[in-house]
Amino acid sequence: MTKHGVSVTVVAGTIAERRMSEQQCASRVSPWSAALPARGEHPRFDRLALPFCLGVSGSMPKTTRRATALSGGVLMYAHKSIEYAEAKRLAEVADGIVVLGSTGAGLARRLRTGGYSGTVLHDPVEYENDPNRPRAASLFGLEDDTVNLQADLRVTAYLSPSAYVAGGDTRQLDQVLADGVTFCQLAGKRQHRAPAYMVLPLATAWLSKRLYPTLRASLSGVTERIALMVADPGDPLGSAAAVGNLVDLLRARPTTSMLRTDASGLGALAWGSGFVAVGTTPTVRHFAGWGKKGFAKVADPSPRVLCRTVLYYVRGSRLAAADGDQRLLDCRCGVCNGLSLRRLSEPIDDPTGREHSAAVLAEIAAWLRSLPPRDRPAAWRDECARALSDAATLEGLTGAIFDPPAALKAWSRLP
């Protein structure tokens, strides 16, 4: 079948097959659901119900491997206005949480004093400031101040205060790398022991055919861990070149992690990323770049929720319009428990959609971790192909428009 400009193989079975009873599903197990441990076997997944069988063929190992949050985990990157109760809940549903800026520091402190002992990272978001402005810091420097603050917050890992690097600005890239090395060295000397990451906020142009060789050469002598953030007003990974060069970077530097990403972060996990931090709202899923604004349809206030069937964030208004979906939009995550995603159309400030998205992300990450590392890339590629096929099916059934992002198509076409 050819749809959305890509040829895909339908591996999900017919609609009738997907409406099998749960007993029938047990004999034809989807790899991502099979990866979940039995109820009660693993505390974190005890509350997550098995999802509907999607009919994806393939065998799975009988046991799952535990992974720390920084090695194959999905963290939720919290929006600035998030409330304490929601932040704690999302951190528990996923593998942890990343908070940002001065308000995030207060939230991190409250999480710790409130008894949350899981993964908490603090992003200084220095990249949101004018990269050419003089840094305002104490006598000891911005890096030292940031290390001291994060040590006081008892973060699970240190994140550097890095400036934004516009496409082709090699001088700024060299400076950010040098500052990042200094930061990681300072963090290594603190009494609060935690791994340190050099945040690398890059314009997506650095993953283009023209600039990527320069980026890779610049990173060749860097031994510190990197937390990559790809910036663009649209989809930072919305081209085959960006996805392909990201994969090459992950192969060359397996400890590389990602900040402020979307469902594409799962693809990064499949190709060896350390951890990924997926934004709770559009503003923290993609950083547009300093001085730029992202593209958004402000006329539509409905929330975006991660739809497991099509593997991307879909507007609630579009889900609500998908009448006749034949249960393709039903969700078995621990938040939905079999209810349809069509209910998540309003209001935008309702945290249910964000909690649902976190649960789905955690389940897919658990499935990927359960696979041998060599099998993860092909498994993710096939899942993307399956999602594209199901998007076409949903359009045919409902008449609603499901337009998968270019990144999803690029992941499905990887060798």
Protein backbone atom coordinates (compact mmCIF):
# COMPACT_ATOMS: atom_id res chain seq x y z
CA MET A 1 0.00 0.00 0.00
CA THR A 2 1.21 3.51 -0.78
CA LYS A 3 -0.03 6.34 1.43
CA HIS A 4 1.43 9.62 2.66
CA GLY A 5 4.18 9.32 0.05
CA VAL A 6 5.62 6.11 1.45
CA SER A 7 5.21 2.47 0.56
CA VAL A 8 4.44 0.41 3.63
CA THR A 9 3.73 -3.22 4.33
CA VAL A 10 0.61 -3.90 6.32
CA VAL A 11 1.72 -6.04 9.24
CA ALA A 12 -0.97 -5.09 11.69
CA GLY A 13 -3.61 -7.43 10.32
CA THR A 14 -7.18 -6.62 9.34
CA ILE A 15 -9.59 -4.54 11.37
CA ALA A 16 -11.48 -7.70 12.25
CA GLU A 17 -8.32 -9.29 13.58
CA ARG A 18 -7.62 -6.26 15.72
CA ARG A 19 -11.02 -6.61 17.34
CA MET A 20 -10.20 -10.08 18.62
CA SER A 21 -11.06 -10.85 22.20
CA GLU A 22 -8.34 -10.49 24.81
CA GLN A 23 -8.10 -14.27 24.99
CA GLN A 24 -7.31 -14.44 21.27
CA CYS A 25 -4.81 -11.62 21.62
CA ALA A 26 -2.92 -13.68 24.15
CA SER A 27 -2.08 -16.17 21.42
CA ARG A 28 -0.99 -13.50 18.95
CA VAL A 29 1.05 -11.12 21.03
CA SER A 30 2.25 -7.70 19.98
CA PRO A 31 5.98 -7.35 20.70
CA TRP A 32 5.60 -4.18 22.69
CA SER A 33 2.88 -5.65 24.92
CA ALA A 34 4.70 -8.97 25.28
CA ALA A 35 7.71 -7.10 26.58
CA LEU A 36 5.81 -5.98 29.65
CA PRO A 37 6.44 -8.21 32.67
CA ALA A 38 3.62 -10.15 34.25
CA ARG A 39 1.43 -8.24 36.70
CA GLY A 40 3.28 -7.83 39.97
CA GLU A 41 6.65 -8.88 38.57
CA HIS A 42 8.00 -5.35 38.24
CA PRO A 43 6.68 -2.60 40.56
CA ARG A 44 6.84 0.17 37.96
CA PHE A 45 4.66 -1.64 35.44
CA ASP A 46 2.26 -3.23 37.91
CA ARG A 47 -0.33 -0.51 37.33
CA LEU A 48 -0.07 -0.57 33.52
CA ALA A 49 -2.69 -2.73 31.84
CA LEU A 50 -1.69 -4.65 28.75
CA PRO A 51 -2.63 -2.72 25.59
CA PHE A 52 -4.90 -3.95 22.84
CA CYS A 53 -3.22 -6.43 20.55
CA LEU A 54 -2.13 -4.60 17.41
CA GLY A 55 -1.28 -7.83 15.64
CA VAL A 56 2.39 -7.03 14.99
CA SER A 57 4.23 -10.23 14.28
CA GLY A 58 7.52 -11.15 15.89
CA SER A 59 9.03 -13.09 18.76
CA MET A 60 10.11 -11.67 22.09
CA PRO A 61 12.50 -12.78 24.81
CA LYS A 62 10.77 -14.26 27.85
CA THR A 63 12.47 -11.96 30.32
CA THR A 64 12.96 -8.21 30.37
CA ARG A 65 16.12 -6.39 31.36
CA ARG A 66 16.00 -3.66 33.90
CA ALA A 67 17.44 -0.35 32.81
CA THR A 68 18.28 2.74 34.78
CA ALA A 69 16.54 5.95 33.82
CA LEU A 70 19.73 7.24 32.19
CA SER A 71 20.25 4.09 30.13
CA GLY A 72 17.31 3.48 27.83
CA GLY A 73 14.79 5.49 29.86
CA VAL A 74 12.16 8.07 28.94
CA LEU A 75 12.01 11.17 31.12
CA MET A 76 9.25 13.73 30.92
CA TYR A 77 10.49 17.25 30.19
CA ALA A 78 8.08 19.41 32.20
CA HIS A 79 6.53 22.64 30.96
CA LYS A 80 7.13 25.77 33.02
CA SER A 81 3.66 26.04 34.55
CA ILE A 82 3.35 22.41 35.65
CA GLU A 83 1.91 21.85 39.12
CA TYR A 84 3.70 19.80 41.75
CA ALA A 85 1.13 16.98 41.84
CA GLU A 86 1.22 16.48 38.07
CA ALA A 87 5.02 16.65 37.97
CA LYS A 88 5.32 13.94 40.59
CA ARG A 89 2.76 11.75 38.86
CA LEU A 90 4.42 12.07 35.44
CA ALA A 91 7.81 11.31 36.98
CA GLU A 92 6.38 8.13 38.48
CA VAL A 93 4.59 7.05 35.29
CA ALA A 94 7.73 7.59 33.18
CA ASP A 95 11.35 7.02 34.22
CA GLY A 96 11.78 10.44 35.79
CA ILE A 97 11.46 14.14 35.06
CA VAL A 98 13.45 17.11 33.75
CA VAL A 99 12.55 20.56 35.09
CA LEU A 100 13.74 23.88 33.70
CA GLY A 101 14.86 27.29 34.84
CA SER A 102 14.35 29.00 38.17
CA THR A 103 10.78 27.74 38.65
CA GLY A 104 11.98 24.24 37.86
CA ALA A 105 14.65 24.49 40.54
CA GLY A 106 11.95 25.19 43.11
CA LEU A 107 9.93 22.26 41.81
CA ALA A 108 12.93 19.92 41.98
CA ARG A 109 13.56 20.96 45.57
CA ARG A 110 9.94 20.33 46.47
CA LEU A 111 10.01 16.90 44.81
CA ARG A 112 13.02 15.93 46.89
CA THR A 113 11.67 17.28 50.17
CA GLY A 114 8.33 15.63 49.38
CA GLY A 115 9.99 12.22 49.32
CA TYR A 116 10.43 11.61 45.59
CA SER A 117 13.69 9.69 45.24
CA GLY A 118 13.52 8.95 41.51
CA THR A 119 15.26 10.63 38.61
CA VAL A 120 15.25 14.44 38.56
CA LEU A 121 17.32 16.60 36.19
CA HIS A 122 17.45 20.39 36.06
CA ASP A 123 17.95 22.16 32.73
CA PRO A 124 19.40 25.69 33.21
CA VAL A 125 18.02 26.65 29.74
CA GLU A 126 20.91 29.04 29.07
CA TYR A 127 20.21 28.43 25.37
CA GLU A 128 17.00 30.47 25.68
CA ASN A 129 19.12 33.61 26.19
CA ASP A 130 20.85 35.70 23.54
CA PRO A 131 24.03 33.74 22.78
CA ASN A 132 25.90 36.99 22.16
CA ARG A 133 25.05 38.66 25.45
CA PRO A 134 27.60 38.79 28.30
CA ARG A 135 26.97 36.06 30.82
CA ALA A 136 25.64 37.25 34.18
CA ALA A 137 27.28 35.11 36.83
CA SER A 138 29.31 35.24 40.00
CA LEU A 139 33.06 35.60 40.33
CA PHE A 140 33.41 31.85 39.96
CA GLY A 141 31.54 31.62 36.67
CA LEU A 142 28.21 30.37 35.37
CA GLU A 143 29.37 26.76 35.20
CA ASP A 144 30.39 26.75 38.87
CA ASP A 145 27.14 28.41 39.96
CA THR A 146 25.11 25.85 38.01
CA VAL A 147 26.99 22.90 39.46
CA ASN A 148 26.44 24.21 42.99
CA LEU A 149 22.70 24.68 42.41
CA GLN A 150 22.22 21.24 40.90
CA ALA A 151 24.24 19.60 43.66
CA ASP A 152 21.97 21.29 46.19
CA LEU A 153 18.95 19.93 44.29
CA ARG A 154 20.44 16.40 44.46
CA VAL A 155 19.96 15.87 40.74
CA THR A 156 20.39 12.42 39.23
CA ALA A 157 22.66 13.92 36.57
CA TYR A 158 24.17 17.36 36.00
CA LEU A 159 23.18 19.36 32.89
CA SER A 160 25.43 22.18 31.68
CA PRO A 161 24.30 25.80 31.05
CA SER A 162 24.99 25.86 27.31
CA ALA A 163 24.35 28.63 24.80
CA TYR A 164 22.48 28.01 21.56
CA VAL A 165 24.57 27.18 18.48
CA ALA A 166 23.15 28.48 15.20
CA GLY A 167 23.77 26.54 12.00
CA GLY A 168 27.34 26.92 10.76
CA ASP A 169 28.57 28.94 13.78
CA THR A 170 31.73 26.93 14.37
CA ARG A 171 33.17 29.50 16.76
CA GLN A 172 30.15 29.23 19.04
CA LEU A 173 30.21 25.44 18.76
CA ASP A 174 33.85 25.34 19.92
CA GLN A 175 33.03 27.66 22.83
CA VAL A 176 30.03 25.59 23.96
CA LEU A 177 32.12 22.42 23.84
CA ALA A 178 34.93 24.04 25.84
CA ASP A 179 32.48 25.38 28.45
CA GLY A 180 30.84 21.97 28.61
CA VAL A 181 34.15 20.26 29.36
CA THR A 182 34.75 22.76 32.18
CA PHE A 183 31.28 22.13 33.60
CA CYS A 184 31.70 18.35 33.58
CA GLN A 185 35.07 18.62 35.29
CA LEU A 186 33.60 20.85 38.02
CA ALA A 187 30.68 18.47 38.53
CA GLY A 188 33.10 15.59 38.97
CA LYS A 189 34.67 17.35 41.96
CA ARG A 190 31.46 17.86 43.93
CA GLN A 191 30.52 15.85 46.96
CA HIS A 192 27.16 15.08 45.35
CA ARG A 193 28.18 12.34 42.94
CA ALA A 194 26.25 12.13 39.68
CA PRO A 195 27.14 11.81 35.98
CA ALA A 196 27.54 15.10 34.12
CA TYR A 197 26.19 15.90 30.66
CA MET A 198 27.25 18.62 28.28
CA VAL A 199 24.03 20.08 26.86
CA LEU A 200 24.42 20.69 23.13
CA PRO A 201 21.60 22.91 21.76
CA LEU A 202 22.07 22.85 17.99
CA ALA A 203 20.12 24.18 15.05
CA THR A 204 18.84 21.29 12.95
CA ALA A 205 21.11 22.53 10.14
CA TRP A 206 23.97 20.80 11.96
CA LEU A 207 22.39 17.48 10.98
CA SER A 208 22.28 18.42 7.31
CA LYS A 209 24.48 16.86 4.66
CA ARG A 210 26.52 20.06 4.46
CA LEU A 211 27.24 20.67 8.17
CA TYR A 212 27.13 17.26 9.79
CA PRO A 213 30.73 16.30 8.84
CA THR A 214 31.92 19.46 10.64
CA LEU A 215 29.87 18.60 13.73
CA ARG A 216 31.15 15.05 13.88
CA ALA A 217 34.76 16.22 13.47
CA SER A 218 34.29 18.76 16.29
CA LEU A 219 32.96 16.04 18.59
CA SER A 220 35.69 13.54 17.79
CA GLY A 221 37.90 14.71 20.64
CA VAL A 222 35.10 15.14 23.20
CA THR A 223 34.86 12.35 25.76
CA GLU A 224 32.17 13.86 27.99
CA ARG A 225 28.56 12.70 27.85
CA ILE A 226 26.33 14.79 25.59
CA ALA A 227 22.66 15.73 25.96
CA LEU A 228 21.69 16.79 22.45
CA MET A 229 18.84 19.17 21.71
CA VAL A 230 17.99 19.75 18.05
CA ALA A 231 16.25 23.08 17.45
CA ASP A 232 13.94 24.17 14.65
CA PRO A 233 10.69 26.18 14.36
CA GLY A 234 9.09 23.12 12.76
CA ASP A 235 10.07 19.47 13.18
CA PRO A 236 13.80 19.29 13.99
CA LEU A 237 13.98 15.73 12.65
CA GLY A 238 11.67 16.33 9.73
CA SER A 239 14.07 15.20 7.02
CA ALA A 240 15.76 11.95 6.06
CA ALA A 241 19.16 13.65 6.40
CA ALA A 242 18.48 14.77 9.98
CA VAL A 243 17.31 11.32 11.07
CA GLY A 244 20.10 9.53 9.23
CA ASN A 245 22.84 11.76 10.66
CA LEU A 246 21.35 11.50 14.15
CA VAL A 247 21.59 7.73 13.83
CA ASP A 248 25.22 8.04 12.71
CA LEU A 249 25.97 10.23 15.72
CA LEU A 250 24.33 7.74 18.10
CA ARG A 251 26.39 4.94 16.60
CA ALA A 252 29.58 6.95 17.04
CA ARG A 253 28.66 8.17 20.55
CA PRO A 254 26.34 5.64 22.27
CA THR A 255 26.21 7.70 25.48
CA THR A 256 24.50 10.60 23.69
CA SER A 257 21.08 11.49 25.10
CA MET A 258 18.34 13.84 23.91
CA LEU A 259 16.45 16.73 25.49
CA ARG A 260 13.18 18.38 24.46
CA THR A 261 12.10 15.87 21.85
CA ASP A 262 8.88 14.10 20.85
CA ALA A 263 8.05 10.52 19.84
CA SER A 264 11.20 10.52 17.67
CA GLY A 265 13.05 10.14 20.94
CA LEU A 266 11.91 6.53 20.95
CA GLY A 267 13.74 6.05 17.66
CA ALA A 268 16.84 7.49 19.28
CA LEU A 269 16.48 4.93 22.09
CA ALA A 270 16.23 2.16 19.51
CA TRP A 271 19.52 3.29 17.99
CA GLY A 272 21.37 3.48 21.31
CA SER A 273 20.60 6.81 22.98
CA GLY A 274 21.27 6.91 26.71
CA PHE A 275 18.02 8.61 27.73
CA VAL A 276 15.47 10.86 26.05
CA ALA A 277 13.45 13.66 27.61
CA VAL A 278 10.10 14.11 25.86
CA GLY A 279 8.25 17.39 26.38
CA THR A 280 4.91 17.43 28.15
CA THR A 281 3.64 20.22 25.86
CA PRO A 282 4.58 21.44 22.35
CA THR A 283 6.65 24.33 23.72
CA VAL A 284 9.03 21.95 25.48
CA ARG A 285 8.96 19.17 22.88
CA HIS A 286 10.69 21.40 20.36
CA PHE A 287 12.96 24.38 20.92
CA ALA A 288 12.58 26.71 17.95
CA GLY A 289 16.03 28.24 18.31
CA TRP A 290 17.03 31.52 19.90
CA GLY A 291 14.95 34.42 18.57
CA LYS A 292 12.59 32.13 16.66
CA LYS A 293 9.03 31.04 17.23
CA GLY A 294 7.53 27.64 16.62
CA PHE A 295 4.64 27.00 14.26
CA ALA A 296 1.29 26.41 16.00
CA LYS A 297 -2.39 26.68 15.14
CA VAL A 298 -3.52 28.90 17.98
CA ALA A 299 -7.12 28.73 16.71
CA ASP A 300 -7.27 25.10 17.88
CA PRO A 301 -6.94 24.97 21.69
CA SER A 302 -7.33 21.19 21.98
CA PRO A 303 -4.39 19.25 23.46
CA ARG A 304 -1.97 17.09 21.51
CA VAL A 305 -1.81 13.52 22.77
CA LEU A 306 0.45 10.67 21.76
CA CYS A 307 -1.60 8.20 19.73
CA ARG A 308 -0.11 4.72 20.02
CA THR A 309 -1.78 3.60 16.81
CA VAL A 310 -0.03 6.18 14.61
CA LEU A 311 3.03 6.90 16.81
CA TYR A 312 2.80 10.68 16.85
CA TYR A 313 1.06 13.49 18.74
CA VAL A 314 -2.42 14.18 17.39
CA ARG A 315 -4.71 17.11 18.15
CA GLY A 316 -7.63 16.16 20.38
CA SER A 317 -10.02 17.86 17.95
CA ARG A 318 -8.82 15.55 15.17
CA LEU A 319 -9.28 12.49 17.35
CA ALA A 320 -12.79 13.63 18.28
CA ALA A 321 -13.65 13.89 14.58
CA ALA A 322 -12.51 10.33 13.85
CA ASP A 323 -15.94 8.74 14.10
CA GLY A 324 -16.06 5.09 13.02
CA ASP A 325 -12.45 4.25 13.94
CA GLN A 326 -13.49 0.64 14.77
CA ARG A 327 -11.63 0.81 18.09
CA LEU A 328 -8.27 1.68 16.55
CA LEU A 329 -8.20 4.68 18.87
CA ASP A 330 -8.96 2.65 21.99
CA CYS A 331 -6.01 2.65 24.39
CA ARG A 332 -4.96 0.09 26.99
CA CYS A 333 -2.39 2.19 28.82
CA GLY A 334 -2.73 2.44 32.59
CA VAL A 335 -4.40 5.83 32.26
CA CYS A 336 -6.99 4.97 29.62
CA ASN A 337 -7.74 1.34 30.56
CA GLY A 338 -9.48 0.62 27.26
CA LEU A 339 -11.18 3.99 26.77
CA SER A 340 -11.01 5.80 23.45
CA LEU A 341 -8.56 8.63 22.86
CA ARG A 342 -11.42 10.51 21.25
CA ARG A 343 -12.45 11.63 24.75
CA LEU A 344 -9.27 13.73 25.09
CA SER A 345 -10.41 16.66 22.99
CA GLU A 346 -10.80 19.25 25.74
CA PRO A 347 -9.86 21.10 27.83
CA ILE A 348 -6.21 21.80 27.03
CA ASP A 349 -5.26 22.19 30.71
CA ASP A 350 -6.56 18.73 31.63
CA PRO A 351 -3.47 16.67 32.62
CA THR A 352 -5.08 13.36 31.56
CA GLY A 353 -3.70 13.55 28.03
CA ARG A 354 -0.19 14.27 29.27
CA GLU A 355 -0.34 11.37 31.72
CA HIS A 356 -1.62 9.08 28.97
CA SER A 357 1.27 10.14 26.71
CA ALA A 358 3.80 9.47 29.46
CA ALA A 359 2.38 5.98 30.05
CA VAL A 360 2.54 5.09 26.34
CA LEU A 361 6.11 6.39 26.06
CA ALA A 362 7.16 4.33 29.08
CA GLU A 363 5.56 1.17 27.69
CA ILE A 364 7.24 1.49 24.30
CA ALA A 365 10.60 2.22 25.94
CA ALA A 366 10.15 -0.91 28.09
CA TRP A 367 9.50 -2.95 24.95
CA LEU A 368 12.66 -1.59 23.29
CA ARG A 369 14.75 -2.34 26.38
CA SER A 370 13.47 -5.91 26.39
CA LEU A 371 14.94 -6.54 22.94
CA PRO A 372 18.58 -7.39 22.25
CA PRO A 373 20.29 -4.11 21.25
CA ARG A 374 21.01 -5.39 17.74
CA ASP A 375 17.27 -6.00 17.13
CA ARG A 376 15.98 -2.61 18.33
CA PRO A 377 16.60 -0.53 15.18
CA ALA A 378 14.73 -2.94 12.90
CA ALA A 379 11.92 -3.33 15.43
CA TRP A 380 11.45 0.45 15.61
CA ARG A 381 11.59 0.78 11.82
CA ASP A 382 8.88 -1.86 11.45
CA GLU A 383 6.73 -0.18 14.10
CA CYS A 384 6.96 3.09 12.19
CA ALA A 385 5.90 1.32 8.99
CA ARG A 386 2.99 -0.26 10.86
CA ALA A 387 1.97 3.18 12.21
CA LEU A 388 1.97 4.70 8.72
CA SER A 389 -0.25 1.88 7.49
CA ASP A 390 -2.66 2.35 10.39
CA ALA A 391 -2.80 6.11 9.76
CA ALA A 392 -3.95 5.36 6.22
CA THR A 393 -6.49 2.87 7.58
CA LEU A 394 -7.88 5.45 10.01
CA GLU A 395 -8.28 7.99 7.21
CA GLY A 396 -10.18 5.46 5.15
CA LEU A 397 -12.46 4.47 8.02
CA THR A 398 -13.22 7.88 9.46
CA GLY A 399 -12.61 10.47 6.75
CA ALA A 400 -10.53 12.43 9.28
CA ILE A 401 -7.10 13.58 8.16
CA PHE A 402 -4.15 11.76 9.75
CA ASP A 403 -0.99 13.28 8.37
CA PRO A 404 2.07 11.55 9.90
CA PRO A 405 5.11 13.77 10.44
CA ALA A 406 8.05 13.55 8.08
CA ALA A 407 10.21 12.20 10.90
CA LEU A 408 8.02 9.10 11.21
CA LYS A 409 8.39 8.44 7.50
CA ALA A 410 12.15 8.93 7.73
CA TRP A 411 12.45 6.41 10.58
CA SER A 412 10.43 3.86 8.57
CA ARG A 413 12.80 4.15 5.60
CA LEU A 414 16.04 3.48 7.45
CA PRO A 415 17.86 0.36 6.29
